[in-house]
Protein backbone atom coordinates (compact mmCIF):
# COMPACT_ATOMS: atom_id res chain seq x y z
CA MET A 1 187.42 242.63 53.30
CA LYS A 2 184.76 240.76 51.90
CA ARG A 3 185.79 242.18 48.22
CA ILE A 4 189.73 241.04 48.69
CA VAL A 5 188.22 237.45 49.72
CA PHE A 6 185.84 237.17 46.86
CA TRP A 7 188.69 238.01 44.42
CA THR A 8 191.18 235.66 46.00
CA ILE A 9 188.86 232.85 45.61
CA ALA A 10 187.62 233.85 42.27
CA SER A 11 191.17 234.21 40.74
CA LEU A 12 192.24 230.66 42.53
CA CYS A 13 189.59 229.23 40.85
CA LEU A 14 190.30 230.94 37.40
CA ILE A 15 193.89 229.54 37.81
CA LEU A 16 192.62 226.27 38.52
CA TYR A 17 189.92 226.17 35.53
CA LEU A 18 192.89 227.60 33.21
CA ILE A 19 195.26 224.64 34.59
CA ALA A 20 192.65 222.15 33.77
CA ASN A 21 191.94 222.97 30.66
CA PHE A 22 194.84 224.04 28.64
CA SER A 23 197.52 222.05 30.21
CA ASP A 24 198.69 218.87 28.11
CA PRO A 25 196.11 216.44 28.60
CA GLY A 26 197.81 213.60 27.80
CA GLU A 27 198.62 212.65 31.56
CA LYS A 28 194.74 212.85 32.43
CA ILE A 29 193.88 210.71 29.83
CA LYS A 30 196.66 208.13 30.76
CA HIS A 31 195.48 208.55 34.15
CA ASN A 32 191.68 207.98 33.66
CA PHE A 33 192.71 205.00 31.30
CA LYS A 34 194.59 203.22 33.95
CA GLN A 35 192.13 204.03 36.32
CA ALA A 36 189.51 202.30 34.24
CA CYS A 37 191.67 199.10 33.77
CA GLN A 38 191.84 199.16 37.52
CA GLU A 39 187.98 199.52 38.03
CA VAL A 40 187.51 196.40 36.19
CA ILE A 41 189.83 194.28 37.71
CA LEU A 42 188.28 195.28 40.85
CA ALA A 43 184.78 194.73 39.39
CA ARG A 44 185.82 191.05 38.46
CA GLU A 45 187.16 190.27 42.02
CA MET A 46 183.92 192.14 43.23
CA GLU A 47 181.73 189.40 41.62
CA ASN A 48 182.90 186.94 44.11
CA SER A 49 180.59 188.49 46.46
CA SER A 50 177.85 191.06 45.11
CA TYR A 51 177.03 191.69 41.27
CA VAL A 52 175.53 194.81 42.19
CA SER A 53 178.30 196.66 43.48
CA ALA A 54 180.92 194.84 41.02
CA PHE A 55 178.35 196.83 38.35
CA LYS A 56 179.27 200.28 40.28
CA LYS A 57 182.94 199.68 39.49
CA TYR A 58 181.85 198.72 35.66
CA LYS A 59 179.79 202.02 35.39
CA ASN A 60 182.82 203.83 36.64
CA ALA A 61 185.18 202.49 34.04
CA ILE A 62 183.07 202.94 31.06
CA ALA A 63 182.12 206.63 32.04
CA ARG A 64 186.44 207.25 32.04
CA LEU A 65 186.40 205.40 28.87
CA ASN A 66 183.24 207.59 27.41
CA ASN A 67 185.25 210.85 28.77
CA ILE A 68 188.33 209.76 27.10
CA THR A 69 186.40 208.93 23.59
CA ASP A 70 183.63 212.05 23.57
CA LYS A 71 186.32 214.85 25.06
CA TYR A 72 189.84 213.68 23.52
CA SER A 73 188.73 211.61 20.73
CA SER A 74 191.99 212.52 18.70
CA SER A 75 194.50 211.24 21.17
CA ASP A 76 196.16 208.27 20.70
CA ILE A 77 194.61 206.32 23.24
CA ALA A 78 191.15 207.35 22.12
CA LEU A 79 192.11 206.38 18.30
CA LYS A 80 193.46 202.80 19.90
CA LEU A 81 189.89 202.32 21.83
CA PHE A 82 187.93 203.10 18.65
CA ASN A 83 190.21 200.30 16.88
CA ASN A 84 189.62 197.72 19.34
CA GLN A 85 193.56 197.95 19.99
CA LEU A 86 193.34 198.34 23.80
CA LYS A 87 192.04 195.76 26.58
CA ILE A 88 190.37 196.86 29.53
CA GLY A 89 191.82 194.70 32.29
CA PRO A 90 191.09 191.26 30.16
CA TYR A 91 188.59 192.42 27.44
CA PRO A 92 189.11 194.11 23.97
CA PHE A 93 187.38 197.86 24.30
CA LEU A 94 184.44 197.00 22.12
CA GLU A 95 183.78 193.51 23.91
CA PHE A 96 183.67 195.29 27.05
CA LYS A 97 181.54 198.23 26.16
CA GLU A 98 179.00 195.86 24.33
CA GLU A 99 178.95 193.18 25.61
CA VAL A 100 180.76 192.86 29.39
CA VAL A 101 178.82 195.90 30.78
CA PRO A 102 175.63 195.50 29.71
CA GLN A 103 175.71 191.47 31.15
CA ALA A 104 177.16 193.16 34.29
CA LYS A 105 174.08 195.43 34.26
CA LEU A 106 171.42 192.30 33.86
CA ARG A 107 173.47 190.35 36.89
CA ALA A 108 173.13 193.50 39.01
CA GLU A 109 169.40 193.42 38.39
CA ALA A 110 169.02 190.24 39.01
CA GLU A 111 170.85 190.21 42.10
CA ASN A 112 168.53 192.79 43.24
CA ASP A 113 165.11 190.93 42.43
CA SER A 114 164.50 187.67 42.08
CA LEU A 115 161.96 188.04 39.10
CA ASP A 116 164.66 189.86 37.09
CA CYS A 117 166.71 186.48 38.35
CA ALA A 118 164.31 184.09 36.84
CA PHE A 119 164.37 186.11 33.44
CA TYR A 120 167.60 186.08 33.33
CA ALA A 121 167.75 182.35 33.58
CA VAL A 122 165.10 181.85 31.40
CA ASN A 123 166.43 183.54 28.82
CA LEU A 124 170.00 181.62 28.99
CA MET A 125 167.71 178.02 28.30
CA ASP A 126 169.70 176.28 25.17
CA THR A 127 166.09 175.23 23.49
CA ILE A 128 168.20 173.71 20.60
CA PRO A 129 167.12 174.87 17.07
CA TYR A 130 165.01 171.78 16.02
CA ASP A 131 163.84 170.55 19.62
CA ASP A 132 160.33 172.16 19.56
CA LYS A 133 159.15 171.03 22.67
CA LEU A 134 161.79 172.45 24.60
CA LYS A 135 160.55 175.92 22.78
CA VAL A 136 156.73 175.38 23.76
CA MET A 137 158.44 174.88 27.60
CA LYS A 138 160.40 178.16 27.02
CA ALA A 139 157.63 180.13 25.58
CA ALA A 140 155.27 179.04 28.36
CA LYS A 141 157.96 180.06 30.95
CA LEU A 142 158.29 183.44 29.54
CA THR A 143 154.50 184.09 29.77
CA ASN A 144 154.23 182.79 33.52
CA ILE A 145 157.17 185.44 34.32
CA SER A 146 155.28 187.89 32.15
CA ILE A 147 152.17 187.20 34.17
CA LEU A 148 154.39 187.84 37.71
CA TYR A 149 155.82 191.32 36.45
CA THR A 150 152.10 192.58 35.94
CA LYS A 151 150.93 191.23 39.47
CA ASN A 152 154.37 193.67 40.60
CA TRP A 153 152.80 196.67 38.46
CA ARG A 154 155.73 196.25 36.13
CA PHE A 155 153.69 196.79 33.13
CA ARG A 156 156.24 197.56 30.28
CA LYS A 157 158.76 194.59 32.03
CA ALA A 158 155.48 192.21 31.43
CA ALA A 159 155.00 193.64 27.86
CA ALA A 160 158.12 193.39 26.96
CA THR A 161 158.69 189.68 28.59
CA LEU A 162 155.27 188.51 26.90
CA SER A 163 156.65 189.78 23.36
CA GLU A 164 159.58 187.72 23.98
CA ALA A 165 157.56 184.20 24.40
CA LYS A 166 156.17 185.22 21.20
CA LYS A 167 159.17 185.59 19.73
CA ILE A 168 160.11 181.93 20.31
CA VAL A 169 156.49 180.64 19.24
CA ALA A 170 157.51 182.39 15.70
CA THR A 171 160.75 180.23 15.82
CA ILE A 172 158.93 176.71 16.16
CA TYR A 173 158.93 174.85 13.08
CA SER A 174 155.85 172.67 13.63
CA ASP A 175 152.47 173.92 12.99
CA THR A 176 151.15 171.35 16.06
CA PHE A 177 153.74 172.55 18.57
CA LYS A 178 153.38 176.18 17.67
CA ILE A 179 149.57 175.59 18.40
CA GLY A 180 150.34 173.93 21.39
CA ALA A 181 152.57 176.67 22.81
CA LEU A 182 149.81 179.54 21.91
CA THR A 183 146.95 177.43 23.77
CA GLU A 184 149.48 176.82 26.83
CA MET A 185 150.31 180.64 26.96
CA ALA A 186 146.62 181.45 26.48
CA GLN A 187 145.30 179.44 29.08
CA ILE A 188 148.09 180.81 31.37
CA LEU A 189 146.63 184.76 30.23
CA GLU A 190 143.15 183.83 31.25
CA LYS A 191 144.08 182.27 34.55
CA VAL A 192 144.85 185.71 35.57
CA GLY A 193 142.12 187.80 33.54
CA LYS A 194 144.21 188.81 30.31
CA LYS A 195 141.24 187.39 28.28
CA LYS A 196 141.95 189.71 25.56
CA GLU A 197 145.57 188.59 24.96
CA ALA A 198 144.55 184.96 25.37
CA ARG A 199 141.84 185.74 23.01
CA GLN A 200 144.23 186.66 20.40
CA LEU A 201 146.58 183.71 20.84
CA LEU A 202 143.86 181.44 20.72
CA ASP A 203 142.75 183.34 17.46
CA GLN A 204 146.05 182.86 16.20
CA ALA A 205 146.09 179.02 17.24
CA LEU A 206 142.58 178.54 15.34
CA ALA A 207 143.85 180.08 12.10
CA LEU A 208 147.00 177.59 12.39
CA VAL A 209 144.71 174.63 12.51
CA LYS A 210 142.61 175.82 9.44
CA THR A 211 145.72 175.58 7.53
CA ILE A 212 147.60 172.30 8.68
CA PRO A 213 147.33 168.98 6.50
CA GLN A 214 144.54 166.70 7.17
CA ASN A 215 146.33 164.18 9.12
CA SER A 216 147.75 166.31 11.51
CA ARG A 217 144.68 168.57 12.04
CA PRO A 218 142.84 166.49 15.09
CA GLU A 219 145.79 166.72 17.37
CA ALA A 220 146.07 170.37 17.13
CA PHE A 221 142.31 170.96 16.82
CA HIS A 222 141.67 168.56 20.07
CA LYS A 223 144.51 171.07 22.09
CA LEU A 224 142.38 173.98 21.14
CA LEU A 225 139.22 172.47 22.04
CA THR A 226 140.67 171.44 25.65
CA THR A 227 141.70 174.98 26.21
CA TYR A 228 138.59 176.48 25.37
CA CYS A 229 137.35 174.10 28.21
CA LEU A 230 139.92 174.40 30.67
CA ILE A 231 139.30 178.35 30.25
CA GLY A 232 135.33 177.61 30.84
CA ASP A 233 134.44 178.48 27.21
CA PHE A 234 132.26 175.53 26.57
CA GLU A 235 129.92 176.86 24.28
CA THR A 236 132.76 177.95 22.04
CA ALA A 237 134.33 175.05 22.36
CA ALA A 238 131.08 172.77 21.40
CA ASN A 239 130.44 175.28 18.50
CA LEU A 240 134.19 174.27 17.22
CA ILE A 241 133.37 170.83 16.55
CA ASN A 242 130.68 171.95 13.75
CA GLY A 243 133.21 174.10 11.90
CA PHE A 244 135.48 171.22 11.89
CA GLN A 245 133.22 168.00 10.20
CA ALA A 246 136.57 166.27 9.02
CA THR A 247 137.49 165.40 12.73
CA ASN A 248 136.74 162.76 15.37
CA SER A 249 133.15 164.52 16.79
CA ASP A 250 133.44 161.54 19.27
CA GLN A 251 136.82 162.44 20.57
CA ALA A 252 135.67 166.00 20.66
CA ASN A 253 132.42 165.45 22.53
CA ALA A 254 134.75 163.19 24.92
CA ILE A 255 137.03 166.05 25.96
CA ILE A 256 133.91 168.39 25.98
CA SER A 257 132.14 166.21 28.24
CA GLN A 258 135.15 165.22 30.68
CA HIS A 259 136.13 168.61 31.21
CA TYR A 260 132.37 169.64 32.31
CA ALA A 261 132.94 166.81 34.84
CA ARG A 262 136.00 168.01 36.36
CA GLU A 263 134.45 171.23 36.58
CA GLY A 264 131.70 169.79 38.38
CA LYS A 265 128.90 170.18 35.63
CA LEU A 266 127.96 166.74 35.58
CA LYS A 267 124.73 167.23 33.94
CA SER A 268 126.19 169.00 31.13
CA ALA A 269 128.73 165.96 31.28
CA LEU A 270 126.48 163.35 30.56
CA ASP A 271 124.54 164.97 28.38
CA THR A 272 127.60 165.73 26.24
CA ALA A 273 128.20 162.08 26.65
CA GLU A 274 125.31 160.76 25.28
CA LYS A 275 126.59 161.99 21.68
CA ILE A 276 129.78 159.79 21.93
CA LYS A 277 128.93 156.75 19.55
CA ASP A 278 132.27 155.01 19.91
CA ASP A 279 132.41 152.37 22.76
CA ASN A 280 136.00 153.00 23.98
CA LEU A 281 135.30 156.83 24.10
CA GLN A 282 131.94 157.01 25.80
CA ALA A 283 133.66 154.09 28.47
CA GLU A 284 136.49 156.40 28.90
CA THR A 285 134.28 159.42 29.37
CA LEU A 286 131.77 157.70 31.83
CA ARG A 287 134.94 156.51 33.81
CA VAL A 288 135.26 160.20 34.29
CA ILE A 289 132.18 161.66 34.96
CA VAL A 290 131.74 158.08 37.50
CA GLU A 291 134.64 159.23 39.28
CA ASN A 292 133.15 162.95 40.02
CA TYR A 293 130.29 161.78 41.38
CA ALA A 294 132.05 159.73 43.70
CA ALA A 295 134.55 162.31 44.45
CA LYS A 296 130.79 164.21 45.55
CA GLY A 297 129.84 161.29 47.79
CA ARG A 298 127.05 160.59 45.25
CA TYR A 299 128.16 156.41 45.36
CA GLU A 300 124.37 155.28 44.20
CA LYS A 301 124.55 157.31 40.96
CA ALA A 302 127.99 156.50 40.23
CA GLY A 303 127.42 152.83 40.69
CA GLU A 304 124.55 153.06 38.33
CA LEU A 305 126.68 155.10 35.90
CA ALA A 306 129.48 152.32 36.39
CA LEU A 307 127.07 149.58 35.43
CA LYS A 308 126.01 151.49 32.01
CA ILE A 309 129.83 150.85 30.58
CA ASN A 310 129.53 148.78 28.09
CA PRO A 311 130.72 145.11 29.68
CA SER A 312 133.30 144.75 26.84
CA GLN A 313 135.26 148.00 28.04
CA LEU A 314 136.67 146.07 31.32
CA VAL A 315 139.07 148.45 31.57
CA TRP A 316 137.13 151.55 32.25
CA LYS A 317 134.71 149.80 34.10
CA ALA A 318 137.19 148.36 36.37
CA LYS A 319 139.20 151.74 36.68
CA ALA A 320 135.26 153.16 37.53
CA LEU A 321 134.89 150.72 40.22
CA ALA A 322 137.63 151.29 41.89
CA ASP A 323 137.30 154.82 41.98
CA ILE A 324 133.93 154.46 43.85
CA ALA A 325 135.73 152.46 46.26
CA PHE A 326 138.40 154.86 47.15
CA TYR A 327 136.42 157.91 47.53
CA ALA A 328 133.64 155.71 49.70
CA ALA A 329 137.01 154.64 51.74
CA GLN A 330 138.27 158.14 52.24
CA ASP A 331 134.47 159.23 53.43
CA GLY A 332 134.59 156.47 56.03
CA LYS A 333 132.14 154.33 54.37
CA LYS A 334 133.91 151.14 54.62
CA GLU A 335 131.24 148.54 53.13
CA ILE A 336 130.84 150.42 50.37
CA ALA A 337 134.07 150.74 49.47
CA ALA A 338 135.26 147.07 49.98
CA SER A 339 132.08 145.97 48.09
CA TYR A 340 133.14 147.89 44.89
CA PHE A 341 136.99 147.17 45.57
CA ASN A 342 135.60 143.79 45.36
CA GLU A 343 133.36 144.15 42.27
CA ALA A 344 136.48 145.70 40.81
CA GLU A 345 139.15 143.10 41.03
CA ARG A 346 135.89 140.52 39.85
CA THR A 347 135.57 142.68 36.90
CA ALA A 348 139.54 143.15 35.72
CA ALA A 349 139.34 138.78 36.34
CA LEU A 350 137.34 138.92 33.27
CA PHE A 351 140.07 139.49 30.65
CA GLU A 352 140.92 136.84 28.67
CA SER A 353 144.38 135.40 28.94
CA PHE A 354 145.80 136.62 25.58
CA GLU A 355 144.77 140.20 27.43
CA LEU A 356 146.97 139.74 30.68
CA PRO A 357 148.88 143.36 29.52
CA GLN A 358 145.18 145.16 30.04
CA LYS A 359 144.29 142.94 33.00
CA LEU A 360 147.89 143.90 34.86
CA SER A 361 147.11 147.53 34.22
CA VAL A 362 144.31 147.28 35.85
CA ILE A 363 145.22 145.52 38.70
CA ASN A 364 148.00 147.94 39.17
CA TYR A 365 145.32 150.95 39.39
CA ILE A 366 143.54 149.11 41.91
CA THR A 367 146.89 148.69 43.85
CA LEU A 368 147.79 152.28 43.50
CA ARG A 369 144.27 153.28 44.78
CA PHE A 370 144.69 150.41 47.79
CA ILE A 371 147.77 152.31 48.53
CA GLU A 372 146.33 155.79 48.30
CA ILE A 373 144.13 154.69 51.51
CA GLN A 374 147.34 153.14 53.20
CA ASP A 375 145.44 149.42 53.14
CA GLN A 376 148.71 147.50 53.17
CA GLU A 377 147.26 144.16 53.23
CA ASN A 378 145.38 144.21 50.07
CA THR A 379 148.02 146.28 48.31
CA ARG A 380 150.43 142.98 49.02
CA ARG A 381 148.11 140.94 48.01
CA LEU A 382 147.54 142.22 44.65
CA LEU A 383 151.37 143.03 44.33
CA LYS A 384 151.94 139.33 44.93
CA SER A 385 149.46 138.27 42.22
CA SER A 386 150.89 140.73 39.81
CA PHE A 387 154.40 139.64 39.95
CA ALA A 388 152.91 135.75 39.38
CA GLU A 389 151.13 137.19 36.46
CA ALA A 390 153.73 139.54 34.65
CA ILE A 391 156.50 137.06 35.00
CA LYS A 392 154.39 135.38 32.12
CA LEU A 393 154.82 137.86 29.70
CA PRO A 394 157.17 138.74 26.60
CA GLU A 395 160.12 140.72 27.80
CA PHE A 396 158.83 144.44 26.38
CA ASN A 397 155.35 143.72 28.33
CA ARG A 398 157.13 142.09 31.21
CA ALA A 399 159.13 145.10 31.38
CA GLU A 400 156.20 147.33 31.43
CA ALA A 401 154.30 145.37 33.88
CA PHE A 402 157.35 144.99 36.62
CA ALA A 403 157.59 149.11 36.25
CA ASP A 404 153.84 149.23 37.55
CA ILE A 405 154.86 146.72 40.02
CA ALA A 406 158.20 148.29 41.57
CA VAL A 407 156.61 151.76 41.73
CA ALA A 408 154.39 150.37 43.61
CA TYR A 409 156.61 148.78 46.28
CA GLY A 410 158.37 151.84 46.35
CA ARG A 411 155.40 154.10 47.33
CA LEU A 412 155.37 151.35 50.12
CA GLY A 413 158.96 152.62 51.05
CA GLU A 414 160.41 149.31 50.03
CA LEU A 415 162.93 151.02 47.71
CA GLU A 416 165.48 147.64 47.51
CA LYS A 417 162.24 145.52 46.43
CA ALA A 418 161.55 147.73 43.67
CA MET A 419 165.35 148.80 42.45
CA GLU A 420 165.59 144.64 42.50
CA LEU A 421 162.63 144.50 40.31
CA VAL A 422 163.98 146.99 38.33
CA LYS A 423 167.59 145.44 37.84
CA LEU A 424 165.81 142.28 37.20
CA TYR A 425 163.22 143.22 34.83
CA ILE A 426 163.74 146.27 33.22
CA PRO A 427 167.51 146.16 32.38
CA SER A 428 167.80 146.40 28.53
CA PHE A 429 167.76 148.92 25.96
CA LEU A 430 165.05 147.74 24.62
CA SER A 431 163.16 148.96 27.92
CA LEU A 432 165.57 151.74 28.14
CA ASP A 433 162.36 154.64 28.47
CA ILE A 434 160.30 152.47 30.58
CA ARG A 435 163.32 152.09 33.28
CA GLY A 436 164.24 155.98 33.24
CA ASN A 437 160.21 156.54 33.84
CA THR A 438 160.06 153.98 36.42
CA LEU A 439 163.35 155.30 37.99
CA ALA A 440 162.25 159.16 37.47
CA GLU A 441 158.94 157.98 39.31
CA LEU A 442 160.41 156.60 42.38
CA ALA A 443 162.75 159.38 42.73
CA LEU A 444 159.85 161.75 42.83
CA PHE A 445 157.96 160.22 44.96
CA TYR A 446 160.89 160.08 47.57
CA ALA A 447 161.87 164.02 46.37
CA GLU A 448 157.96 164.74 47.49
CA ASN A 449 158.48 163.05 51.09
CA GLN A 450 161.51 165.22 51.19
CA GLN A 451 164.18 162.22 51.17
CA TYR A 452 166.51 163.58 48.92
CA PRO A 453 169.38 161.46 49.18
CA LYS A 454 167.36 158.44 47.85
CA ALA A 455 165.79 160.79 45.49
CA LEU A 456 169.05 161.56 43.87
CA GLU A 457 170.12 157.92 44.00
CA LEU A 458 167.35 157.04 41.75
CA ALA A 459 167.83 159.92 39.70
CA ASN A 460 171.53 159.40 38.77
CA GLN A 461 170.94 156.27 37.44
CA VAL A 462 168.38 157.73 35.03
CA ALA A 463 170.28 157.57 31.74
CA ALA A 464 171.78 160.64 30.37
CA GLU A 465 170.67 160.02 27.12
CA THR A 466 167.54 158.32 26.17
CA THR A 467 164.86 157.97 22.75
CA LEU A 468 162.53 160.03 25.01
CA PRO A 469 164.80 163.76 25.61
CA GLU A 470 161.98 164.62 28.12
CA VAL A 471 162.80 161.33 30.20
CA ASN A 472 166.65 161.82 31.37
CA ARG A 473 169.15 162.53 33.98
CA ALA A 474 169.10 166.06 34.05
CA SER A 475 165.04 166.46 33.69
CA VAL A 476 164.64 164.06 36.86
CA LEU A 477 167.16 166.36 38.83
CA SER A 478 165.56 169.38 37.36
CA GLU A 479 162.02 168.38 38.70
CA ILE A 480 163.82 167.03 42.63
CA ALA A 481 165.77 170.37 42.81
CA ILE A 482 162.60 172.57 41.84
CA ILE A 483 160.27 170.26 44.53
CA ALA A 484 162.82 170.82 47.25
CA ALA A 485 162.79 174.72 46.77
CA LYS A 486 159.17 174.45 46.43
CA ALA A 487 159.02 172.88 50.14
CA GLY A 488 161.24 175.92 51.25
CA ASP A 489 164.67 174.28 51.37
CA LEU A 490 166.12 176.69 48.56
CA GLN A 491 169.69 175.44 49.42
CA THR A 492 169.04 171.96 48.69
CA GLY A 493 167.50 172.95 45.69
CA LEU A 494 170.55 174.67 44.86
CA GLU A 495 172.79 172.19 45.76
CA ILE A 496 171.03 169.55 43.56
CA ALA A 497 170.43 172.20 40.79
CA ARG A 498 174.30 172.35 40.44
CA GLN A 499 174.77 168.87 39.38
CA ILE A 500 172.77 169.44 36.13
CA ASP A 501 174.75 168.88 33.15
CA CYS A 502 172.50 170.06 30.34
CA SER A 503 171.94 173.71 28.93
CA PHE A 504 168.18 173.93 28.90
CA TYR A 505 167.07 172.54 32.17
CA LYS A 506 169.77 173.82 34.38
CA PRO A 507 169.15 177.35 33.74
CA TRP A 508 165.35 176.48 33.99
CA THR A 509 165.49 174.78 37.54
CA LEU A 510 167.49 177.90 38.66
CA GLY A 511 165.13 180.32 37.56
CA GLU A 512 162.30 178.26 38.98
CA ILE A 513 164.20 178.20 42.54
CA ALA A 514 164.47 181.60 42.20
CA LEU A 515 160.97 182.53 41.93
CA GLN A 516 160.50 180.91 45.29
CA LEU A 517 162.07 183.81 46.75
CA PRO A 518 159.89 186.69 47.53
CA CYS A 519 159.82 189.66 44.54
CA HIS A 520 160.34 192.53 45.67
CA HIS A 521 161.94 194.92 43.18
CA TYR A 522 163.09 197.84 45.25
CA PRO A 523 167.13 196.73 47.07
CA LEU A 524 165.77 197.87 50.57
CA PHE A 525 163.23 194.95 50.88
CA ASN A 526 165.33 191.83 49.96
CA ASN A 527 167.29 190.75 53.19
CA GLY A 528 170.76 189.51 53.00
CA LYS A 529 170.13 185.99 53.13
CA ASN A 530 167.83 186.29 49.79
CA LYS A 531 170.76 188.25 48.03
CA GLY A 532 172.86 185.46 48.95
CA LEU A 533 170.75 182.65 47.44
CA LEU A 534 170.27 185.22 44.16
CA HIS A 535 174.10 185.68 44.17
CA GLN A 536 174.30 181.91 43.87
CA ILE A 537 171.81 181.53 41.28
CA ILE A 538 173.50 183.81 39.26
CA SER A 539 177.11 182.73 39.67
CA GLU A 540 176.17 179.46 38.58
CA LEU A 541 174.58 180.90 35.71
CA ASN A 542 177.18 183.18 34.70
CA HIS A 543 179.90 180.17 35.10
CA HIS A 544 178.23 178.28 32.97
CA SER A 545 177.34 181.25 30.52
CA ASN A 546 179.45 179.93 28.00
CA PRO A 547 179.78 176.00 28.52
CA VAL A 548 180.38 172.85 27.52
CA LEU A 549 176.97 171.49 28.84
CA GLN A 550 175.40 168.43 27.95
CA PRO A 551 172.53 169.61 25.04
CA ILE A 552 169.19 167.49 25.28
CA THR A 553 169.78 164.81 22.54
CA ALA A 554 168.01 161.67 21.86
CA LEU A 555 169.80 158.50 20.74
CA GLU A 556 169.46 157.55 17.28
CA VAL A 557 167.16 154.10 17.16
CA LYS A 558 167.90 152.17 14.15
């Protein structure tokens, strides 16, 4: 009985095999092709809710098409596919196979993982061939993402992302910007212990500095010097000065001294400052050292050093005195604070009449210190005084002065007063960038205090195009959206990002929002809410993947 059953089943299997392999395959090919087209149409609909599910359909479709071209290569449908004469849904075959499916895979990966989503966004950023500054930003962002991949044990992806960053650097036209990119990437790598990679980039930067024209060399050299200080390698920074005799050694020593001070190495800061011969640079450096002594509560020492600032350097002397007063006030030392604030104001009063812009700049610095300690009485007193002086200035200087006054009023919460000053005294084309900077600063202040409607109202008054491409409406909206996302209000950040009409800042912002979500490479750990936010981000990016978005351009100044 068992033998009969066995041979019966075997015979049926043989018959089915013969039918499948020796019957006319035409109907089967047509069926597979039709099914592939239906899978694609269904996948496009599913992209509205899930890129992961959609990609599964795309995979099924390409598997069916590959079956046709591999097994039935001489069939009419296969030949038409090879010649790109058939469409799979709305796509020509080659476009579907070489572009649509790989992109669908990237979107599915991005929906499953916030880090992949950020990487997907950054790759869509349009840096515009001639804008090196944007390329520096993109290279630095890719380096940051590379670090995050490393922290998540995804070493191959980390290496590939860092390689992409280096490729961006290679396309930078200006050697000065290229050095800026290399040094910024080195700083990022050094902070997370990737010393070998960081040093390799710094070696490249150093080699470039030695080859660039003499007139461009100081700026590039100072970037390199600053980087060595930021990573704590002061010895190499000091040795570099001897290797670049043609550069300004005073400026180099000022950089090192100021970084020593910010690192809390105040004795080393003072020793280095003594090498500076230029009065202005030495005064600027002493101000930084004074501030850091005051921050440590060493008011007597800070006061002694403030007195050593050359009396002719009124700007730095007054700011140093205001710094001591600020830290004393924070420390509850009211008498010390009052004494130094008074001395700062008396120093500011020593400016000559033709130095009114410098005087107002110093008064503004003192005013902001009062705002920081919430001393409204003195703040309003100084603002009233500044207003009376600023009105006497010529147009451009007046715009600069009233920009500072407007920002101060904004920080006091008096937005209407701030905007009145902007409209009255910073309206003209001559002051376009001053106006943009003022509105941006006010907008970001309100965003940091989670007053997003006010922030947006100000941001939308910034010009879409300015003489400084980095100060435009898109860049301000981007910063507001990122502030909201970092404060935990991801949906608000996303809604603001949707208003950005720039092919660089929109992907930049959406990528940064994605990075605020937990990073889990495994779908099991991704909850529905996070996945929903990632889906929205990718949809917004995908919606504008072939956009007519506003590129970053600068107005021609005639």
